[in-house]
Protein backbone atom coordinates (compact mmCIF):
# COMPACT_ATOMS: atom_id res chain seq x y z
CA MET A 1 81.58 83.74 104.01
CA LEU A 2 83.19 86.19 101.56
CA ALA A 3 82.29 84.44 98.27
CA LEU A 4 85.53 85.50 96.57
CA PHE A 5 86.14 84.66 92.94
CA ALA A 6 88.77 85.53 90.33
CA GLY A 7 88.32 89.12 89.18
CA SER A 8 86.26 90.23 92.18
CA GLU A 9 87.30 93.42 93.98
CA GLN A 10 88.66 92.98 97.45
CA MET A 11 90.89 94.69 99.95
CA THR A 12 93.90 93.19 101.67
CA CYS A 13 95.21 94.27 105.06
CA CYS A 14 98.21 93.43 107.17
CA SER A 15 100.05 94.90 110.12
CA ALA A 16 103.13 97.06 109.50
CA LEU A 17 104.95 94.60 111.77
CA ALA A 18 104.18 91.84 109.24
CA VAL A 19 105.98 93.61 106.37
CA ARG A 20 109.66 92.74 105.97
CA VAL A 21 112.08 94.71 103.82
CA CYS A 22 114.84 93.03 101.83
CA GLN A 23 117.55 94.75 99.81
CA ALA A 24 119.93 92.97 97.45
CA LYS A 25 123.66 93.57 97.88
CA GLY A 26 126.69 92.69 95.78
CA GLY A 27 124.95 92.72 92.39
CA ARG A 28 122.35 90.12 93.35
CA SER A 29 118.65 90.54 92.71
CA ALA A 30 116.44 90.10 95.78
CA MET A 31 113.75 88.62 93.50
CA THR A 32 116.06 85.70 92.62
CA LEU A 33 116.49 84.70 96.26
CA GLN A 34 114.16 82.08 97.70
CA PHE A 35 111.95 82.95 100.68
CA SER A 36 109.37 80.95 102.58
CA ALA A 37 107.01 83.93 102.33
CA ARG A 38 104.78 83.94 99.25
CA ASN A 39 104.12 87.65 98.87
CA ARG A 40 107.18 89.41 97.47
CA LEU A 41 106.54 92.90 96.15
CA GLN A 42 109.13 95.02 94.34
CA ALA A 43 109.08 98.50 95.81
CA THR A 44 110.94 101.77 96.13
CA VAL A 45 111.74 103.30 99.52
CA LYS A 46 109.78 106.52 99.90
CA ALA A 47 110.65 107.46 103.49
CA VAL A 48 112.52 106.17 106.53
CA LYS A 49 111.63 107.48 109.99
CA LEU A 50 114.08 106.35 112.65
CA GLY A 51 112.86 106.02 116.23
CA ASP A 52 114.83 105.08 119.31
CA VAL A 53 114.28 101.34 118.78
CA MET A 54 112.10 100.91 115.67
CA ALA A 55 112.06 102.41 112.18
CA GLU A 56 109.03 103.11 110.01
CA VAL A 57 109.83 102.43 106.35
CA THR A 58 107.33 103.58 103.73
CA VAL A 59 107.70 101.92 100.33
CA ALA A 60 105.88 102.60 97.08
CA LEU A 61 104.76 99.79 94.81
CA PRO A 62 105.02 100.24 91.01
CA ASP A 63 101.29 101.13 90.79
CA GLY A 64 101.68 103.91 93.39
CA GLN A 65 100.19 102.10 96.38
CA GLU A 66 102.21 102.34 99.57
CA LEU A 67 103.12 99.88 102.30
CA VAL A 68 104.57 100.70 105.69
CA ALA A 69 107.01 98.35 107.39
CA ALA A 70 107.93 98.57 111.06
CA ILE A 71 111.44 97.15 111.40
CA THR A 72 114.14 97.58 114.01
CA ARG A 73 116.28 100.69 113.81
CA THR A 74 119.32 98.38 113.70
CA SER A 75 117.96 96.65 110.59
CA ALA A 76 117.19 99.93 108.84
CA GLU A 77 120.69 101.21 109.59
CA SER A 78 122.30 97.90 108.57
CA LEU A 79 120.48 98.03 105.20
CA GLN A 80 121.39 101.74 104.91
CA LEU A 81 117.88 102.38 103.62
CA GLN A 82 117.42 105.68 101.79
CA PRO A 83 114.57 107.14 99.72
CA GLY A 84 114.87 105.85 96.17
CA ASP A 85 116.40 102.49 97.12
CA GLN A 86 114.96 99.46 95.35
CA VAL A 87 113.77 96.84 97.84
CA VAL A 88 111.43 93.88 98.13
CA ALA A 89 108.58 94.00 100.65
CA ILE A 90 107.91 90.49 101.95
CA ILE A 91 104.67 89.50 103.68
CA LYS A 92 103.92 85.97 104.86
CA SER A 93 100.55 84.79 103.58
CA THR A 94 99.40 84.03 107.13
CA GLU A 95 99.67 87.77 107.90
CA VAL A 96 97.38 88.92 105.05
CA MET A 97 93.67 89.51 105.65
CA VAL A 98 91.22 89.79 102.77
CA GLY A 99 88.08 91.90 102.95
CA LYS A 100 85.25 92.49 100.51
CA GLU A 101 82.31 94.87 100.46
CA ILE A 102 79.08 92.90 100.71
């Protein structure tokens, strides 16, 4: 048992395949849209590496931490993702693991 409590230090982990990237279009804010996923993190695209089928999208959170999303190349091209773009990284709560030093 982890014995977690408010204010305790912990680490969270998730697979790059569990991170979704959402970008608002047409003057809308992605943060005003409703999603079934609980974890919605405002981020800035840092890098996009296109592969034959998949794309690796690195985003930076406001505090400097980075997340990597593995999305299809088609999705990355459809969103026209470029470094500097403002996006929302979305992670379903069932995909987040919590760890703590004991």
